[in-house]
Amino acid sequence: MPTRRLVLASLAILSAAAIVGCKTTPVAETPILQPPVVEPLPPKKIKIGLALGGGAARGFAHIGVIKALEAQGIYPDIVVGTSAGSVVGALYAAGNTGFQLQKLAMEMDEASISDWAVPLFRKNTGVLKGEALQAYVNKSVNNLPMEKLKIPFGAVATDLKDGKPILFQRGNTGMAVRASSAVPGVFQPVTINGHTYVDGGLVAPVPVRFARDMGADFVIAVNISTQADVQATVSSLDVIMQTFSIMGQRINDYELRDADIVITPPLGKMASNDFNGRNQAVLAGEQAAAQVMAQIKQKLEAKRKP
């Protein structure tokens, strides 16, 4: 019996030793590497420029374009205008929304911006002095100078001496708009700092390149000029505006090439002095902007891609 117990004990010891010997050294687990998290790049900040062209009473269409853009959340960072475009542009840059601009337009009395000159006593050609327009604009922008407006704003005029364009960005807002709107033969030229200026439509009917000069990365141009072949020539004003149309067509062919989007409201034969057609002009601007809205959004999205 003792011998058997001894044998069993020996076997137990050997078994225990074998078990201990079979234990393996634990292998360190290889960590699973997670791919780095790549944060998407934020969209590029681009400056949207709104270039508003000249066209007298046809300029009410600019308001419709602005309303349509705002309805889609598109707000310009820069506004530059010529002639009628400078009037709307100044009021917009002062902080008025599209609907507020429309209200101002409906309340506007043509007589309030018409100050007839007396031919016997005037030194300069032009049946309107333009002072009333200047006063109207300054009152509407709370007499703020251009550099104090809420949106950077520029108004284009033409130096009568050498024919060079000038972009007003500082100083008296109403006076700059008056100079930009001084159609030869209609408004008297405007003298500022020793220089005499007339309508900016002579050099930039739709001021696209000036929107670029002011820093715009994306330019929406609004062309409200008439086609020369549809402009009536009944009165002397019609003849003047017809002349502008003929000149403007050639300049526009060059100028509008640099715009990202060109909006041309369907104003048909609306006369340049047709203030009674303001409602139709606003509607035409809205319709024209709506037709190219998908294109505007597509191009803006492409521009914003990093």
C-alpha atoms as a PDB file:
ATOM      1  CA  MET A   1       0.000   0.000   0.000  1.00  0.00           C
ATOM      2  CA  PRO A   2       2.696   2.512   0.866  1.00  0.00           C
ATOM      3  CA  THR A   3       4.351   1.775  -2.422  1.00  0.00           C
ATOM      4  CA  ARG A   4       1.121   2.363  -4.333  1.00  0.00           C
ATOM      5  CA  ARG A   5       0.543   5.657  -2.557  1.00  0.00           C
ATOM      6  CA  LEU A   6       4.049   6.701  -3.348  1.00  0.00           C
ATOM      7  CA  VAL A   7       3.513   5.913  -7.008  1.00  0.00           C
ATOM      8  CA  LEU A   8       0.259   7.880  -7.120  1.00  0.00           C
ATOM      9  CA  ALA A   9       1.847  10.823  -5.386  1.00  0.00           C
ATOM     10  CA  SER A  10       4.702  10.753  -7.858  1.00  0.00           C
ATOM     11  CA  LEU A  11       2.295  10.708 -10.784  1.00  0.00           C
ATOM     12  CA  ALA A  12       0.386  13.637  -9.329  1.00  0.00           C
ATOM     13  CA  ILE A  13       3.582  15.625  -8.986  1.00  0.00           C
ATOM     14  CA  LEU A  14       4.603  14.814 -12.544  1.00  0.00           C
ATOM     15  CA  SER A  15       1.183  15.771 -13.894  1.00  0.00           C
ATOM     16  CA  ALA A  16       1.280  19.087 -12.096  1.00  0.00           C
ATOM     17  CA  ALA A  17       4.732  19.749 -13.449  1.00  0.00           C
ATOM     18  CA  ALA A  18       3.574  18.884 -16.954  1.00  0.00           C
ATOM     19  CA  ILE A  19       0.636  21.254 -16.695  1.00  0.00           C
ATOM     20  CA  VAL A  20       2.868  24.046 -15.476  1.00  0.00           C
ATOM     21  CA  GLY A  21       5.257  23.369 -18.290  1.00  0.00           C
ATOM     22  CA  CYS A  22       2.510  23.593 -20.890  1.00  0.00           C
ATOM     23  CA  LYS A  23       1.572  27.174 -19.979  1.00  0.00           C
ATOM     24  CA  THR A  24       2.506  29.558 -22.803  1.00  0.00           C
ATOM     25  CA  THR A  25       3.800  33.063 -22.476  1.00  0.00           C
ATOM     26  CA  PRO A  26       0.925  35.456 -23.364  1.00  0.00           C
ATOM     27  CA  VAL A  27       1.385  37.157 -26.729  1.00  0.00           C
ATOM     28  CA  ALA A  28       0.831  40.920 -26.765  1.00  0.00           C
ATOM     29  CA  GLU A  29      -2.133  41.844 -28.946  1.00  0.00           C
ATOM     30  CA  THR A  30      -1.410  44.035 -31.971  1.00  0.00           C
ATOM     31  CA  PRO A  31      -3.509  47.209 -31.652  1.00  0.00           C
ATOM     32  CA  ILE A  32      -5.939  47.845 -34.501  1.00  0.00           C
ATOM     33  CA  LEU A  33      -5.014  51.154 -36.077  1.00  0.00           C
ATOM     34  CA  GLN A  34      -7.994  53.356 -36.822  1.00  0.00           C
ATOM     35  CA  PRO A  35      -7.783  55.521 -39.934  1.00  0.00           C
ATOM     36  CA  PRO A  36      -7.215  59.178 -39.060  1.00  0.00           C
ATOM     37  CA  VAL A  37     -10.350  61.300 -38.969  1.00  0.00           C
ATOM     38  CA  VAL A  38     -10.188  63.809 -41.807  1.00  0.00           C
ATOM     39  CA  GLU A  39     -12.175  66.900 -41.062  1.00  0.00           C
ATOM     40  CA  PRO A  40     -13.815  68.314 -44.205  1.00  0.00           C
ATOM     41  CA  LEU A  41     -12.407  71.638 -45.293  1.00  0.00           C
ATOM     42  CA  PRO A  42     -14.798  74.527 -44.752  1.00  0.00           C
ATOM     43  CA  PRO A  43     -16.202  76.134 -47.903  1.00  0.00           C
ATOM     44  CA  LYS A  44     -14.212  79.058 -49.219  1.00  0.00           C
ATOM     45  CA  LYS A  45     -15.515  82.479 -48.346  1.00  0.00           C
ATOM     46  CA  ILE A  46     -16.197  84.366 -51.541  1.00  0.00           C
ATOM     47  CA  LYS A  47     -17.355  87.931 -52.003  1.00  0.00           C
ATOM     48  CA  ILE A  48     -20.468  88.345 -54.118  1.00  0.00           C
ATOM     49  CA  GLY A  49     -20.631  91.530 -56.157  1.00  0.00           C
ATOM     50  CA  LEU A  50     -23.842  92.986 -57.570  1.00  0.00           C
ATOM     51  CA  ALA A  51     -23.311  95.193 -60.647  1.00  0.00           C
ATOM     52  CA  LEU A  52     -26.402  97.278 -61.436  1.00  0.00           C
ATOM     53  CA  GLY A  53     -26.601  98.863 -64.876  1.00  0.00           C
ATOM     54  CA  GLY A  54     -28.100 102.117 -66.097  1.00  0.00           C
ATOM     55  CA  GLY A  55     -31.440 102.618 -67.783  1.00  0.00           C
ATOM     56  CA  ALA A  56     -33.390 105.420 -66.055  1.00  0.00           C
ATOM     57  CA  ALA A  57     -36.907 104.277 -65.057  1.00  0.00           C
ATOM     58  CA  ARG A  58     -36.086 100.750 -66.184  1.00  0.00           C
ATOM     59  CA  GLY A  59     -33.885 100.656 -63.074  1.00  0.00           C
ATOM     60  CA  PHE A  60     -36.902  99.649 -60.982  1.00  0.00           C
ATOM     61  CA  ALA A  61     -36.177  96.140 -62.275  1.00  0.00           C
ATOM     62  CA  HIS A  62     -33.073  96.086 -60.062  1.00  0.00           C
ATOM     63  CA  ILE A  63     -35.383  95.978 -57.056  1.00  0.00           C
ATOM     64  CA  GLY A  64     -37.054  92.824 -58.315  1.00  0.00           C
ATOM     65  CA  VAL A  65     -33.681  91.146 -58.794  1.00  0.00           C
ATOM     66  CA  ILE A  66     -32.650  92.037 -55.248  1.00  0.00           C
ATOM     67  CA  LYS A  67     -35.926  90.670 -53.868  1.00  0.00           C
ATOM     68  CA  ALA A  68     -35.441  87.375 -55.689  1.00  0.00           C
ATOM     69  CA  LEU A  69     -31.847  87.008 -54.489  1.00  0.00           C
ATOM     70  CA  GLU A  70     -32.765  87.723 -50.887  1.00  0.00           C
ATOM     71  CA  ALA A  71     -35.616  85.209 -51.036  1.00  0.00           C
ATOM     72  CA  GLN A  72     -32.982  82.542 -51.763  1.00  0.00           C
ATOM     73  CA  GLY A  73     -30.600  83.731 -49.068  1.00  0.00           C
ATOM     74  CA  ILE A  74     -28.165  85.384 -51.467  1.00  0.00           C
ATOM     75  CA  TYR A  75     -26.853  88.698 -50.135  1.00  0.00           C
ATOM     76  CA  PRO A  76     -24.192  90.688 -51.990  1.00  0.00           C
ATOM     77  CA  ASP A  77     -21.025  91.730 -50.185  1.00  0.00           C
ATOM     78  CA  ILE A  78     -20.350  94.525 -52.688  1.00  0.00           C
ATOM     79  CA  VAL A  79     -22.701  96.741 -54.697  1.00  0.00           C
ATOM     80  CA  VAL A  80     -21.677  98.978 -57.581  1.00  0.00           C
ATOM     81  CA  GLY A  81     -24.003 100.892 -59.867  1.00  0.00           C
ATOM     82  CA  THR A  82     -24.147 103.085 -62.917  1.00  0.00           C
ATOM     83  CA  SER A  83     -26.784 105.799 -63.328  1.00  0.00           C
ATOM     84  CA  ALA A  84     -30.142 104.296 -62.268  1.00  0.00           C
ATOM     85  CA  GLY A  85     -28.186 101.372 -60.865  1.00  0.00           C
ATOM     86  CA  SER A  86     -26.298 103.745 -58.597  1.00  0.00           C
ATOM     87  CA  VAL A  87     -29.580 105.108 -57.213  1.00  0.00           C
ATOM     88  CA  VAL A  88     -30.919 101.646 -56.324  1.00  0.00           C
ATOM     89  CA  GLY A  89     -27.457 100.501 -55.246  1.00  0.00           C
ATOM     90  CA  ALA A  90     -27.028 103.363 -52.787  1.00  0.00           C
ATOM     91  CA  LEU A  91     -30.410 102.768 -51.158  1.00  0.00           C
ATOM     92  CA  TYR A  92     -29.705  99.035 -50.938  1.00  0.00           C
ATOM     93  CA  ALA A  93     -26.197  99.534 -49.525  1.00  0.00           C
ATOM     94  CA  ALA A  94     -27.715 101.763 -46.840  1.00  0.00           C
ATOM     95  CA  GLY A  95     -29.499  98.716 -45.431  1.00  0.00           C
ATOM     96  CA  ASN A  96     -32.884  98.636 -47.147  1.00  0.00           C
ATOM     97  CA  THR A  97     -34.196  95.163 -48.003  1.00  0.00           C
ATOM     98  CA  GLY A  98     -35.736  94.369 -51.356  1.00  0.00           C
ATOM     99  CA  PHE A  99     -39.241  94.847 -49.954  1.00  0.00           C
ATOM    100  CA  GLN A 100     -38.262  98.168 -48.400  1.00  0.00           C
ATOM    101  CA  LEU A 101     -36.805  99.262 -51.720  1.00  0.00           C
ATOM    102  CA  GLN A 102     -40.069  98.386 -53.433  1.00  0.00           C
ATOM    103  CA  LYS A 103     -41.980 100.441 -50.892  1.00  0.00           C
ATOM    104  CA  LEU A 104     -39.673 103.401 -51.534  1.00  0.00           C
ATOM    105  CA  ALA A 105     -40.155 102.948 -55.275  1.00  0.00           C
ATOM    106  CA  MET A 106     -43.935 102.924 -55.022  1.00  0.00           C
ATOM    107  CA  GLU A 107     -43.883 106.057 -52.873  1.00  0.00           C
ATOM    108  CA  MET A 108     -41.416 107.905 -55.091  1.00  0.00           C
ATOM    109  CA  ASP A 109     -42.838 110.980 -56.762  1.00  0.00           C
ATOM    110  CA  GLU A 110     -41.125 111.728 -60.059  1.00  0.00           C
ATOM    111  CA  ALA A 111     -41.487 115.432 -59.299  1.00  0.00           C
ATOM    112  CA  SER A 112     -39.407 115.002 -56.139  1.00  0.00           C
ATOM    113  CA  ILE A 113     -36.298 114.232 -58.197  1.00  0.00           C
ATOM    114  CA  SER A 114     -37.027 116.671 -61.043  1.00  0.00           C
ATOM    115  CA  ASP A 115     -35.631 120.158 -60.594  1.00  0.00           C
ATOM    116  CA  TRP A 116     -35.982 122.007 -63.863  1.00  0.00           C
ATOM    117  CA  ALA A 117     -33.224 124.425 -64.797  1.00  0.00           C
ATOM    118  CA  VAL A 118     -33.999 127.842 -66.218  1.00  0.00           C
ATOM    119  CA  PRO A 119     -32.362 127.949 -69.684  1.00  0.00           C
ATOM    120  CA  LEU A 120     -31.605 131.675 -69.536  1.00  0.00           C
ATOM    121  CA  PHE A 121     -29.517 131.390 -66.397  1.00  0.00           C
ATOM    122  CA  ARG A 122     -27.796 128.050 -66.593  1.00  0.00           C
ATOM    123  CA  LYS A 123     -24.201 127.732 -67.654  1.00  0.00           C
ATOM    124  CA  ASN A 124     -24.288 124.020 -68.389  1.00  0.00           C
ATOM    125  CA  THR A 125     -26.448 122.040 -70.732  1.00  0.00           C
ATOM    126  CA  GLY A 126     -29.154 119.913 -69.135  1.00  0.00           C
ATOM    127  CA  VAL A 127     -32.805 120.552 -68.403  1.00  0.00           C
ATOM    128  CA  LEU A 128     -32.530 119.091 -64.878  1.00  0.00           C
ATOM    129  CA  LYS A 129     -30.073 120.361 -62.296  1.00  0.00           C
ATOM    130  CA  GLY A 130     -29.847 117.093 -60.405  1.00  0.00           C
ATOM    131  CA  GLU A 131     -29.804 118.703 -56.977  1.00  0.00           C
ATOM    132  CA  ALA A 132     -33.208 117.227 -56.164  1.00  0.00           C
ATOM    133  CA  LEU A 133     -31.944 113.723 -56.962  1.00  0.00           C
ATOM    134  CA  GLN A 134     -28.915 114.317 -54.760  1.00  0.00           C
ATOM    135  CA  ALA A 135     -31.120 115.503 -51.879  1.00  0.00           C
ATOM    136  CA  TYR A 136     -33.497 112.538 -52.307  1.00  0.00           C
ATOM    137  CA  VAL A 137     -30.678 110.009 -52.130  1.00  0.00           C
ATOM    138  CA  ASN A 138     -29.004 111.657 -49.143  1.00  0.00           C
ATOM    139  CA  LYS A 139     -32.282 111.773 -47.248  1.00  0.00           C
ATOM    140  CA  SER A 140     -32.957 108.109 -48.055  1.00  0.00           C
ATOM    141  CA  VAL A 141     -29.536 107.023 -46.734  1.00  0.00           C
ATOM    142  CA  ASN A 142     -29.815 109.207 -43.609  1.00  0.00           C
ATOM    143  CA  ASN A 143     -27.099 111.505 -44.965  1.00  0.00           C
ATOM    144  CA  LEU A 144     -24.443 108.845 -44.541  1.00  0.00           C
ATOM    145  CA  PRO A 145     -21.308 109.171 -46.681  1.00  0.00           C
ATOM    146  CA  MET A 146     -20.505 106.293 -48.996  1.00  0.00           C
ATOM    147  CA  GLU A 147     -17.848 104.802 -46.750  1.00  0.00           C
ATOM    148  CA  LYS A 148     -20.338 104.557 -43.859  1.00  0.00           C
ATOM    149  CA  LEU A 149     -22.988 102.542 -45.718  1.00  0.00           C
ATOM    150  CA  LYS A 150     -23.677  99.004 -44.494  1.00  0.00           C
ATOM    151  CA  ILE A 151     -22.517  97.371 -47.727  1.00  0.00           C
ATOM    152  CA  PRO A 152     -19.403  98.563 -49.604  1.00  0.00           C
ATOM    153  CA  PHE A 153     -20.800 100.682 -52.447  1.00  0.00           C
ATOM    154  CA  GLY A 154     -19.408 102.285 -55.565  1.00  0.00           C
ATOM    155  CA  ALA A 155     -20.916 104.620 -58.171  1.00  0.00           C
ATOM    156  CA  VAL A 156     -19.416 104.979 -61.653  1.00  0.00           C
ATOM    157  CA  ALA A 157     -19.270 108.315 -63.477  1.00  0.00           C
ATOM    158  CA  THR A 158     -17.410 109.681 -66.509  1.00  0.00           C
ATOM    159  CA  ASP A 159     -14.882 112.514 -66.440  1.00  0.00           C
ATOM    160  CA  LEU A 160     -16.169 114.925 -69.071  1.00  0.00           C
ATOM    161  CA  LYS A 161     -12.706 116.279 -69.846  1.00  0.00           C
ATOM    162  CA  ASP A 162     -10.860 113.093 -70.734  1.00  0.00           C
ATOM    163  CA  GLY A 163     -13.626 110.495 -70.917  1.00  0.00           C
ATOM    164  CA  LYS A 164     -12.079 108.340 -68.218  1.00  0.00           C
ATOM    165  CA  PRO A 165     -14.265 106.448 -65.758  1.00  0.00           C
ATOM    166  CA  ILE A 166     -14.176 107.142 -62.060  1.00  0.00           C
ATOM    167  CA  LEU A 167     -15.428 104.924 -59.258  1.00  0.00           C
ATOM    168  CA  PHE A 168     -16.697 106.930 -56.317  1.00  0.00           C
ATOM    169  CA  GLN A 169     -16.406 105.037 -53.021  1.00  0.00           C
ATOM    170  CA  ARG A 170     -16.086 107.829 -50.490  1.00  0.00           C
ATOM    171  CA  GLY A 171     -17.757 111.123 -49.767  1.00  0.00           C
ATOM    172  CA  ASN A 172     -21.229 112.525 -50.341  1.00  0.00           C
ATOM    173  CA  THR A 173     -23.441 109.625 -51.418  1.00  0.00           C
ATOM    174  CA  GLY A 174     -26.088 111.750 -53.105  1.00  0.00           C
ATOM    175  CA  MET A 175     -23.533 113.758 -55.059  1.00  0.00           C
ATOM    176  CA  ALA A 176     -21.791 110.615 -56.333  1.00  0.00           C
ATOM    177  CA  VAL A 177     -25.142 109.168 -57.451  1.00  0.00           C
ATOM    178  CA  ARG A 178     -26.038 112.471 -59.072  1.00  0.00           C
ATOM    179  CA  ALA A 179     -22.765 112.450 -61.029  1.00  0.00           C
ATOM    180  CA  SER A 180     -23.279 108.826 -62.051  1.00  0.00           C
ATOM    181  CA  SER A 181     -26.792 109.702 -63.285  1.00  0.00           C
ATOM    182  CA  ALA A 182     -25.988 112.941 -65.106  1.00  0.00           C
ATOM    183  CA  VAL A 183     -27.174 111.945 -68.583  1.00  0.00           C
ATOM    184  CA  PRO A 184     -25.795 114.610 -70.980  1.00  0.00           C
ATOM    185  CA  GLY A 185     -28.580 116.812 -72.284  1.00  0.00           C
ATOM    186  CA  VAL A 186     -30.921 115.749 -69.467  1.00  0.00           C
ATOM    187  CA  PHE A 187     -29.004 116.467 -66.253  1.00  0.00           C
ATOM    188  CA  GLN A 188     -26.410 119.159 -65.832  1.00  0.00           C
ATOM    189  CA  PRO A 189     -22.855 117.878 -65.356  1.00  0.00           C
ATOM    190  CA  VAL A 190     -21.591 117.687 -61.777  1.00  0.00           C
ATOM    191  CA  THR A 191     -18.384 119.291 -60.559  1.00  0.00           C
ATOM    192  CA  ILE A 192     -16.511 117.498 -57.770  1.00  0.00           C
ATOM    193  CA  ASN A 193     -13.030 118.548 -56.630  1.00  0.00           C
ATOM    194  CA  GLY A 194     -12.439 120.553 -59.793  1.00  0.00           C
ATOM    195  CA  HIS A 195     -13.492 117.770 -62.180  1.00  0.00           C
ATOM    196  CA  THR A 196     -16.703 117.708 -64.180  1.00  0.00           C
ATOM    197  CA  TYR A 197     -18.576 114.423 -64.400  1.00  0.00           C
ATOM    198  CA  VAL A 198     -21.441 113.008 -66.429  1.00  0.00           C
ATOM    199  CA  ASP A 199     -23.336 109.706 -66.599  1.00  0.00           C
ATOM    200  CA  GLY A 200     -21.303 106.562 -65.993  1.00  0.00           C
ATOM    201  CA  GLY A 201     -23.172 104.778 -68.770  1.00  0.00           C
ATOM    202  CA  LEU A 202     -20.807 106.366 -71.272  1.00  0.00           C
ATOM    203  CA  VAL A 203     -17.980 104.155 -70.017  1.00  0.00           C
ATOM    204  CA  ALA A 204     -19.619 101.335 -68.033  1.00  0.00           C
ATOM    205  CA  PRO A 205     -23.322 100.703 -68.730  1.00  0.00           C
ATOM    206  CA  VAL A 206     -23.094  97.644 -66.437  1.00  0.00           C
ATOM    207  CA  PRO A 207     -20.089  98.107 -64.105  1.00  0.00           C
ATOM    208  CA  VAL A 208     -18.835  94.517 -63.916  1.00  0.00           C
ATOM    209  CA  ARG A 209     -15.112  95.282 -63.930  1.00  0.00           C
ATOM    210  CA  PHE A 210     -15.565  97.816 -61.144  1.00  0.00           C
ATOM    211  CA  ALA A 211     -17.229  95.162 -58.993  1.00  0.00           C
ATOM    212  CA  ARG A 212     -14.076  93.098 -59.579  1.00  0.00           C
ATOM    213  CA  ASP A 213     -11.911  96.084 -58.688  1.00  0.00           C
ATOM    214  CA  MET A 214     -13.786  96.371 -55.391  1.00  0.00           C
ATOM    215  CA  GLY A 215     -12.889  92.779 -54.540  1.00  0.00           C
ATOM    216  CA  ALA A 216     -15.790  90.698 -55.847  1.00  0.00           C
ATOM    217  CA  ASP A 217     -15.001  87.033 -56.540  1.00  0.00           C
ATOM    218  CA  PHE A 218     -18.417  86.323 -58.039  1.00  0.00           C
ATOM    219  CA  VAL A 219     -20.270  89.000 -60.003  1.00  0.00           C
ATOM    220  CA  ILE A 220     -23.990  89.063 -60.705  1.00  0.00           C
ATOM    221  CA  ALA A 221     -24.649  91.674 -63.398  1.00  0.00           C
ATOM    222  CA  VAL A 222     -28.061  93.175 -64.085  1.00  0.00           C
ATOM    223  CA  ASN A 223     -28.431  94.586 -67.587  1.00  0.00           C
ATOM    224  CA  ILE A 224     -31.482  96.832 -68.033  1.00  0.00           C
ATOM    225  CA  SER A 225     -30.354  98.730 -71.123  1.00  0.00           C
ATOM    226  CA  THR A 226     -32.660  98.818 -74.116  1.00  0.00           C
ATOM    227  CA  GLN A 227     -31.904  97.290 -77.468  1.00  0.00           C
ATOM    228  CA  ALA A 228     -31.298 100.049 -79.983  1.00  0.00           C
ATOM    229  CA  ASP A 229     -33.758  98.556 -82.449  1.00  0.00           C
ATOM    230  CA  VAL A 230     -36.718  98.723 -80.048  1.00  0.00           C
ATOM    231  CA  GLN A 231     -36.156 102.144 -78.494  1.00  0.00           C
ATOM    232  CA  ALA A 232     -38.753 104.723 -79.528  1.00  0.00           C
ATOM    233  CA  THR A 233     -37.440 108.050 -80.818  1.00  0.00           C
ATOM    234  CA  VAL A 234     -40.376 110.383 -80.311  1.00  0.00           C
ATOM    235  CA  SER A 235     -38.963 112.990 -77.940  1.00  0.00           C
ATOM    236  CA  SER A 236     -35.521 114.521 -77.482  1.00  0.00           C
ATOM    237  CA  LEU A 237     -35.063 112.327 -74.397  1.00  0.00           C
ATOM    238  CA  ASP A 238     -35.809 109.275 -76.539  1.00  0.00           C
ATOM    239  CA  VAL A 239     -33.110 110.311 -78.984  1.00  0.00           C
ATOM    240  CA  ILE A 240     -30.589 110.762 -76.174  1.00  0.00           C
ATOM    241  CA  MET A 241     -31.411 107.389 -74.656  1.00  0.00           C
ATOM    242  CA  GLN A 242     -31.256 105.777 -78.118  1.00  0.00           C
ATOM    243  CA  THR A 243     -27.748 107.184 -78.488  1.00  0.00           C
ATOM    244  CA  PHE A 244     -26.799 105.685 -75.133  1.00  0.00           C
ATOM    245  CA  SER A 245     -28.238 102.342 -76.191  1.00  0.00           C
ATOM    246  CA  ILE A 246     -26.155 102.267 -79.374  1.00  0.00           C
ATOM    247  CA  MET A 247     -22.967 103.082 -77.477  1.00  0.00           C
ATOM    248  CA  GLY A 248     -23.811 100.820 -74.586  1.00  0.00           C
ATOM    249  CA  GLN A 249     -24.351  97.713 -76.697  1.00  0.00           C
ATOM    250  CA  ARG A 250     -20.749  97.616 -77.836  1.00  0.00           C
ATOM    251  CA  ILE A 251     -19.370  98.342 -74.363  1.00  0.00           C
ATOM    252  CA  ASN A 252     -21.665  95.766 -72.792  1.00  0.00           C
ATOM    253  CA  ASP A 253     -20.478  93.063 -75.174  1.00  0.00           C
ATOM    254  CA  TYR A 254     -17.043  93.501 -73.636  1.00  0.00           C
ATOM    255  CA  GLU A 255     -18.071  94.268 -70.047  1.00  0.00           C
ATOM    256  CA  LEU A 256     -20.551  91.451 -69.493  1.00  0.00           C
ATOM    257  CA  ARG A 257     -18.053  88.761 -70.492  1.00  0.00           C
ATOM    258  CA  ASP A 258     -16.408  89.130 -67.097  1.00  0.00           C
ATOM    259  CA  ALA A 259     -19.632  88.529 -65.147  1.00  0.00           C
ATOM    260  CA  ASP A 260     -20.373  85.129 -63.634  1.00  0.00           C
ATOM    261  CA  ILE A 261     -24.110  85.641 -64.130  1.00  0.00           C
ATOM    262  CA  VAL A 262     -25.946  88.151 -66.323  1.00  0.00           C
ATOM    263  CA  ILE A 263     -29.579  88.888 -65.543  1.00  0.00           C
ATOM    264  CA  THR A 264     -31.541  90.693 -68.247  1.00  0.00           C
ATOM    265  CA  PRO A 265     -35.088  91.541 -67.130  1.00  0.00           C
ATOM    266  CA  PRO A 266     -37.636  91.312 -69.985  1.00  0.00           C
ATOM    267  CA  LEU A 267     -38.558  94.996 -70.092  1.00  0.00           C
ATOM    268  CA  GLY A 268     -39.456  95.075 -73.780  1.00  0.00           C
ATOM    269  CA  LYS A 269     -40.106  98.564 -75.039  1.00  0.00           C
ATOM    270  CA  MET A 270     -40.465 100.156 -71.604  1.00  0.00           C
ATOM    271  CA  ALA A 271     -39.393 103.755 -72.035  1.00  0.00           C
ATOM    272  CA  SER A 272     -36.615 105.228 -69.952  1.00  0.00           C
ATOM    273  CA  ASN A 273     -39.015 107.823 -68.527  1.00  0.00           C
ATOM    274  CA  ASP A 274     -41.900 105.439 -67.850  1.00  0.00           C
ATOM    275  CA  PHE A 275     -42.249 105.811 -64.083  1.00  0.00           C
ATOM    276  CA  ASN A 276     -45.793 104.454 -64.305  1.00  0.00           C
ATOM    277  CA  GLY A 277     -44.386 101.086 -65.308  1.00  0.00           C
ATOM    278  CA  ARG A 278     -42.432 100.614 -62.086  1.00  0.00           C
ATOM    279  CA  ASN A 279     -44.560  97.696 -60.855  1.00  0.00           C
ATOM    280  CA  GLN A 280     -44.067  95.789 -64.098  1.00  0.00           C
ATOM    281  CA  ALA A 281     -40.349  96.527 -63.997  1.00  0.00           C
ATOM    282  CA  VAL A 282     -39.996  95.142 -60.452  1.00  0.00           C
ATOM    283  CA  LEU A 283     -41.885  92.012 -61.490  1.00  0.00           C
ATOM    284  CA  ALA A 284     -39.709  91.604 -64.593  1.00  0.00           C
ATOM    285  CA  GLY A 285     -36.619  91.747 -62.401  1.00  0.00           C
ATOM    286  CA  GLU A 286     -37.969  89.056 -60.082  1.00  0.00           C
ATOM    287  CA  GLN A 287     -38.891  86.794 -62.993  1.00  0.00           C
ATOM    288  CA  ALA A 288     -35.524  87.177 -64.702  1.00  0.00           C
ATOM    289  CA  ALA A 289     -33.622  86.399 -61.502  1.00  0.00           C
ATOM    290  CA  ALA A 290     -35.821  83.380 -60.771  1.00  0.00           C
ATOM    291  CA  GLN A 291     -35.070  81.925 -64.203  1.00  0.00           C
ATOM    292  CA  VAL A 292     -31.328  81.817 -63.545  1.00  0.00           C
ATOM    293  CA  MET A 293     -31.461  81.089 -59.805  1.00  0.00           C
ATOM    294  CA  ALA A 294     -30.484  77.431 -60.211  1.00  0.00           C
ATOM    295  CA  GLN A 295     -27.494  78.499 -62.288  1.00  0.00           C
ATOM    296  CA  ILE A 296     -26.492  81.093 -59.687  1.00  0.00           C
ATOM    297  CA  LYS A 297     -26.580  78.507 -56.886  1.00  0.00           C
ATOM    298  CA  GLN A 298     -24.667  75.950 -58.930  1.00  0.00           C
ATOM    299  CA  LYS A 299     -21.904  78.380 -59.817  1.00  0.00           C
ATOM    300  CA  LEU A 300     -21.706  79.714 -56.270  1.00  0.00           C
ATOM    301  CA  GLU A 301     -21.361  76.188 -54.885  1.00  0.00           C
ATOM    302  CA  ALA A 302     -18.570  75.442 -57.358  1.00  0.00           C
ATOM    303  CA  LYS A 303     -16.758  78.648 -56.392  1.00  0.00           C
ATOM    304  CA  ARG A 304     -17.019  77.826 -52.697  1.00  0.00           C
ATOM    305  CA  LYS A 305     -15.469  74.374 -52.991  1.00  0.00           C
ATOM    306  CA  PRO A 306     -12.082  74.293 -51.234  1.00  0.00           C
END
